[in-house]
Amino acid sequence: MKPCNLHIAKTLELVEDMIDLADHGDIDREDNGCGILYGILRDSAYKLKKLAEEEKENHIKKGWWPVDGMNEDEMNKDGMNEDGLNIEE
């Protein structure tokens, strides 16, 4: 797996976490300031998601992205743990 594809895949995972956090934060918020915070987080996540999906599509068209997608094992072959921290140091 090319490192550039790995980073795109991890970005797509990250934006899903951002959207989830924004949704839960918005439900639990107690003031307008938090509403603004979670609204900006959600908007940013969707903008990043769109960019990452477009870049993934570009890599697919160039033949750089695996045809069958990417599984968890492939994502961790770069020497990083599930949190994206380098485990080879």
Protein backbone atom coordinates (compact mmCIF):
# COMPACT_ATOMS: atom_id res chain seq x y z
CA MET A 1 0.00 0.00 0.00
CA LYS A 2 1.39 3.35 -0.99
CA PRO A 3 1.83 5.71 1.98
CA CYS A 4 -0.10 8.42 0.13
CA ASN A 5 -3.14 6.09 -0.08
CA LEU A 6 -2.77 5.15 3.56
CA HIS A 7 -2.94 8.80 4.57
CA ILE A 8 -6.05 9.37 2.47
CA ALA A 9 -7.73 6.32 4.03
CA LYS A 10 -6.82 7.50 7.53
CA THR A 11 -8.16 10.96 6.70
CA LEU A 12 -11.47 9.39 5.67
CA GLU A 13 -11.58 7.54 9.00
CA LEU A 14 -10.71 10.71 10.90
CA VAL A 15 -13.50 12.73 9.30
CA GLU A 16 -16.04 10.08 10.33
CA ASP A 17 -14.81 10.46 13.93
CA MET A 18 -15.05 14.25 13.59
CA ILE A 19 -18.65 14.01 12.35
CA ASP A 20 -19.55 11.61 15.15
CA LEU A 21 -18.00 13.91 17.78
CA ALA A 22 -19.80 16.92 16.34
CA ASP A 23 -23.13 15.08 16.41
CA HIS A 24 -22.70 13.90 20.00
CA GLY A 25 -21.32 17.23 21.15
CA ASP A 26 -24.22 19.07 19.58
CA ILE A 27 -26.72 16.81 21.35
CA ASP A 28 -25.05 17.35 24.74
CA ARG A 29 -24.24 21.05 24.41
CA GLU A 30 -25.52 23.50 26.97
CA ASP A 31 -24.79 26.83 25.29
CA ASN A 32 -24.47 28.53 21.91
CA GLY A 33 -20.68 28.60 22.00
CA CYS A 34 -20.56 24.82 21.93
CA GLY A 35 -23.08 24.82 19.10
CA ILE A 36 -20.75 27.04 17.09
CA LEU A 37 -17.77 24.81 17.92
CA TYR A 38 -19.51 21.61 16.84
CA GLY A 39 -20.97 23.28 13.76
CA ILE A 40 -17.49 24.33 12.63
CA LEU A 41 -16.14 20.85 13.41
CA ARG A 42 -18.91 19.25 11.33
CA ASP A 43 -18.47 21.68 8.42
CA SER A 44 -14.71 21.15 8.45
CA ALA A 45 -15.13 17.38 8.49
CA TYR A 46 -17.41 17.44 5.45
CA LYS A 47 -15.01 19.72 3.56
CA LEU A 48 -12.08 17.44 4.36
CA LYS A 49 -14.14 14.38 3.46
CA LYS A 50 -14.97 15.83 0.04
CA LEU A 51 -11.31 16.63 -0.64
CA ALA A 52 -10.13 13.19 0.51
CA GLU A 53 -12.76 11.41 -1.59
CA GLU A 54 -11.77 13.45 -4.63
CA GLU A 55 -8.11 12.62 -4.07
CA LYS A 56 -8.94 8.93 -3.62
CA GLU A 57 -10.82 9.03 -6.92
CA ASN A 58 -7.78 10.64 -8.59
CA HIS A 59 -5.58 7.84 -7.26
CA ILE A 60 -8.05 5.22 -8.51
CA LYS A 61 -8.00 6.80 -11.99
CA LYS A 62 -4.18 6.79 -11.96
CA GLY A 63 -4.16 3.13 -10.96
CA TRP A 64 -2.49 3.87 -7.62
CA TRP A 65 -5.37 2.69 -5.42
CA PRO A 66 -5.90 -1.07 -4.89
CA VAL A 67 -8.85 -2.37 -6.90
CA ASP A 68 -10.26 -4.32 -3.95
CA GLY A 69 -9.91 -1.42 -1.53
CA MET A 70 -7.89 -1.60 1.65
CA ASN A 71 -8.33 -3.64 4.79
CA GLU A 72 -7.14 -2.97 8.33
CA ASP A 73 -4.06 -5.20 7.95
CA GLU A 74 -2.89 -3.26 4.90
CA MET A 75 -3.40 0.02 6.72
CA ASN A 76 -1.10 -1.12 9.55
CA LYS A 77 1.72 -2.50 7.36
CA ASP A 78 3.42 0.89 7.39
CA GLY A 79 4.77 0.38 10.92
CA MET A 80 2.05 2.39 12.62
CA ASN A 81 -0.37 1.26 15.27
CA GLU A 82 -4.12 1.79 15.14
CA ASP A 83 -3.66 5.33 16.51
CA GLY A 84 -1.32 6.26 13.67
CA LEU A 85 1.74 6.32 15.93
CA ASN A 86 4.99 4.91 14.62
CA ILE A 87 5.71 1.63 16.41
CA GLU A 88 9.08 1.03 14.75
CA GLU A 89 10.95 3.74 16.67
